[in-house]
Amino acid sequence: MIFLDEVDPLSSPMKAKGVGELGLCGVAAAIANAVYNATGVRVRDYPVTLDKHLAHLPRMT
């Protein structure tokens, strides 16, 4: 985190800018891909919930 000496209207009220959000960009995609690899069902709408997942599973006979 970098604290700014001057006022920046785009920064947070704490007058700080962070880069931690960049590391979180791929987490949801990685989880959705892990669900696909485990079950063979690709859910493309976030959040990946059980009702969306079960709707695409093949019927058991």
N, C-alpha and C. Protein backbone atom coordinates (compact mmCIF):
# COMPACT_ATOMS: atom_id res chain seq x y z
N MET A 1 0.85 -1.16 0.00
CA MET A 1 0.00 0.00 0.00
C MET A 1 0.90 1.22 0.00
N ILE A 2 0.49 2.20 -0.78
CA ILE A 2 1.25 3.45 -0.87
C ILE A 2 0.36 4.57 -0.37
N PHE A 3 0.83 5.31 0.62
CA PHE A 3 0.10 6.47 1.11
C PHE A 3 0.54 7.71 0.33
N LEU A 4 -0.42 8.51 -0.06
CA LEU A 4 -0.16 9.68 -0.89
C LEU A 4 -0.01 10.93 -0.04
N ASP A 5 0.89 11.82 -0.44
CA ASP A 5 1.06 13.09 0.25
C ASP A 5 0.03 14.12 -0.20
N GLU A 6 -0.33 14.08 -1.49
CA GLU A 6 -1.28 15.05 -2.02
C GLU A 6 -2.67 14.40 -2.12
N VAL A 7 -3.68 15.22 -2.28
CA VAL A 7 -5.05 14.75 -2.38
C VAL A 7 -5.30 14.22 -3.79
N ASP A 8 -5.83 13.02 -3.89
CA ASP A 8 -6.18 12.41 -5.16
C ASP A 8 -7.66 12.07 -5.12
N PRO A 9 -8.49 12.66 -5.98
CA PRO A 9 -9.92 12.39 -5.92
C PRO A 9 -10.29 10.95 -6.29
N LEU A 10 -9.39 10.22 -6.90
CA LEU A 10 -9.67 8.84 -7.28
C LEU A 10 -9.24 7.82 -6.22
N SER A 11 -8.53 8.26 -5.21
CA SER A 11 -8.09 7.33 -4.18
C SER A 11 -9.17 7.13 -3.13
N SER A 12 -8.91 6.26 -2.21
CA SER A 12 -9.88 5.98 -1.15
C SER A 12 -9.88 7.11 -0.11
N PRO A 13 -10.89 7.13 0.78
CA PRO A 13 -10.91 8.16 1.82
C PRO A 13 -9.69 8.09 2.74
N MET A 14 -9.02 6.95 2.77
CA MET A 14 -7.83 6.79 3.60
C MET A 14 -6.59 7.39 2.94
N LYS A 15 -6.77 7.90 1.72
CA LYS A 15 -5.68 8.45 0.91
C LYS A 15 -4.62 7.38 0.60
N ALA A 16 -5.09 6.20 0.24
CA ALA A 16 -4.18 5.11 -0.09
C ALA A 16 -4.65 4.42 -1.36
N LYS A 17 -3.71 3.85 -2.07
CA LYS A 17 -4.01 3.05 -3.25
C LYS A 17 -3.39 1.68 -3.04
N GLY A 18 -4.15 0.63 -3.40
CA GLY A 18 -3.65 -0.72 -3.25
C GLY A 18 -3.69 -1.48 -4.55
N VAL A 19 -2.93 -2.56 -4.64
CA VAL A 19 -2.92 -3.40 -5.83
C VAL A 19 -3.36 -4.82 -5.50
N GLY A 20 -3.94 -5.02 -4.33
CA GLY A 20 -4.35 -6.36 -3.92
C GLY A 20 -5.47 -6.93 -4.75
N GLU A 21 -6.29 -6.07 -5.35
CA GLU A 21 -7.41 -6.55 -6.14
C GLU A 21 -6.95 -7.29 -7.39
N LEU A 22 -5.79 -6.95 -7.91
CA LEU A 22 -5.31 -7.58 -9.13
C LEU A 22 -5.08 -9.08 -8.95
N GLY A 23 -4.68 -9.49 -7.77
CA GLY A 23 -4.44 -10.90 -7.53
C GLY A 23 -5.71 -11.72 -7.39
N LEU A 24 -6.85 -11.07 -7.22
CA LEU A 24 -8.11 -11.78 -7.02
C LEU A 24 -8.92 -11.94 -8.30
N CYS A 25 -8.43 -11.42 -9.40
CA CYS A 25 -9.21 -11.42 -10.64
C CYS A 25 -9.52 -12.82 -11.15
N GLY A 26 -8.61 -13.74 -11.02
CA GLY A 26 -8.82 -15.07 -11.60
C GLY A 26 -9.38 -16.11 -10.65
N VAL A 27 -9.70 -15.74 -9.42
CA VAL A 27 -10.14 -16.73 -8.43
C VAL A 27 -11.46 -17.35 -8.82
N ALA A 28 -12.45 -16.55 -9.20
CA ALA A 28 -13.76 -17.09 -9.56
C ALA A 28 -13.67 -17.99 -10.79
N ALA A 29 -12.88 -17.59 -11.77
CA ALA A 29 -12.71 -18.42 -12.96
C ALA A 29 -12.01 -19.73 -12.63
N ALA A 30 -11.04 -19.69 -11.73
CA ALA A 30 -10.33 -20.91 -11.34
C ALA A 30 -11.26 -21.87 -10.61
N ILE A 31 -12.13 -21.35 -9.76
CA ILE A 31 -13.08 -22.21 -9.04
C ILE A 31 -14.09 -22.80 -10.02
N ALA A 32 -14.61 -21.99 -10.94
CA ALA A 32 -15.55 -22.50 -11.93
C ALA A 32 -14.89 -23.56 -12.80
N ASN A 33 -13.64 -23.38 -13.15
CA ASN A 33 -12.92 -24.37 -13.95
C ASN A 33 -12.68 -25.65 -13.15
N ALA A 34 -12.42 -25.54 -11.87
CA ALA A 34 -12.23 -26.73 -11.02
C ALA A 34 -13.54 -27.51 -10.91
N VAL A 35 -14.67 -26.81 -10.80
CA VAL A 35 -15.97 -27.48 -10.77
C VAL A 35 -16.21 -28.21 -12.08
N TYR A 36 -15.86 -27.57 -13.20
CA TYR A 36 -16.01 -28.21 -14.50
C TYR A 36 -15.13 -29.46 -14.61
N ASN A 37 -13.89 -29.36 -14.17
CA ASN A 37 -12.98 -30.50 -14.23
C ASN A 37 -13.47 -31.66 -13.36
N ALA A 38 -14.11 -31.36 -12.26
CA ALA A 38 -14.57 -32.40 -11.35
C ALA A 38 -15.87 -33.05 -11.81
N THR A 39 -16.73 -32.28 -12.48
CA THR A 39 -18.07 -32.80 -12.80
C THR A 39 -18.39 -32.87 -14.28
N GLY A 40 -17.66 -32.14 -15.10
CA GLY A 40 -17.96 -32.11 -16.53
C GLY A 40 -19.07 -31.14 -16.89
N VAL A 41 -19.53 -30.34 -15.95
CA VAL A 41 -20.59 -29.37 -16.20
C VAL A 41 -19.99 -27.97 -16.15
N ARG A 42 -20.15 -27.23 -17.25
CA ARG A 42 -19.62 -25.88 -17.32
C ARG A 42 -20.75 -24.90 -16.98
N VAL A 43 -20.59 -24.17 -15.88
CA VAL A 43 -21.54 -23.13 -15.49
C VAL A 43 -20.90 -21.80 -15.81
N ARG A 44 -21.54 -21.01 -16.66
CA ARG A 44 -20.94 -19.76 -17.13
C ARG A 44 -21.51 -18.52 -16.46
N ASP A 45 -22.46 -18.69 -15.56
CA ASP A 45 -23.05 -17.55 -14.84
C ASP A 45 -22.58 -17.57 -13.40
N TYR A 46 -22.02 -16.44 -12.96
CA TYR A 46 -21.58 -16.32 -11.57
C TYR A 46 -22.72 -15.81 -10.71
N PRO A 47 -22.81 -16.19 -9.49
CA PRO A 47 -21.98 -17.18 -8.81
C PRO A 47 -22.38 -18.59 -9.21
N VAL A 48 -21.43 -19.50 -9.14
CA VAL A 48 -21.71 -20.91 -9.44
C VAL A 48 -22.43 -21.48 -8.23
N THR A 49 -23.72 -21.70 -8.38
CA THR A 49 -24.53 -22.22 -7.28
C THR A 49 -25.00 -23.62 -7.62
N LEU A 50 -25.45 -24.32 -6.59
CA LEU A 50 -25.85 -25.71 -6.77
C LEU A 50 -27.03 -25.84 -7.72
N ASP A 51 -28.00 -24.93 -7.65
CA ASP A 51 -29.16 -25.04 -8.54
C ASP A 51 -28.76 -24.87 -10.01
N LYS A 52 -27.84 -23.99 -10.32
CA LYS A 52 -27.36 -23.83 -11.70
C LYS A 52 -26.59 -25.07 -12.14
N HIS A 53 -25.85 -25.63 -11.23
CA HIS A 53 -25.04 -26.80 -11.55
C HIS A 53 -25.91 -28.03 -11.77
N LEU A 54 -26.84 -28.28 -10.87
CA LEU A 54 -27.69 -29.47 -10.98
C LEU A 54 -28.58 -29.45 -12.22
N ALA A 55 -28.95 -28.27 -12.69
CA ALA A 55 -29.80 -28.16 -13.87
C ALA A 55 -29.12 -28.71 -15.12
N HIS A 56 -27.81 -28.76 -15.13
CA HIS A 56 -27.08 -29.20 -16.32
C HIS A 56 -26.50 -30.61 -16.19
N LEU A 57 -26.68 -31.26 -15.07
CA LEU A 57 -26.19 -32.63 -14.91
C LEU A 57 -27.04 -33.58 -15.74
N PRO A 58 -26.44 -34.63 -16.31
CA PRO A 58 -27.24 -35.60 -17.06
C PRO A 58 -28.17 -36.37 -16.13
N ARG A 59 -29.32 -36.76 -16.64
CA ARG A 59 -30.30 -37.53 -15.85
C ARG A 59 -29.81 -38.95 -15.64
N MET A 60 -29.99 -39.43 -14.44
CA MET A 60 -29.65 -40.82 -14.10
C MET A 60 -30.85 -41.71 -14.42
N THR A 61 -30.63 -42.82 -15.10
CA THR A 61 -31.73 -43.74 -15.40
C THR A 61 -31.54 -45.07 -14.74
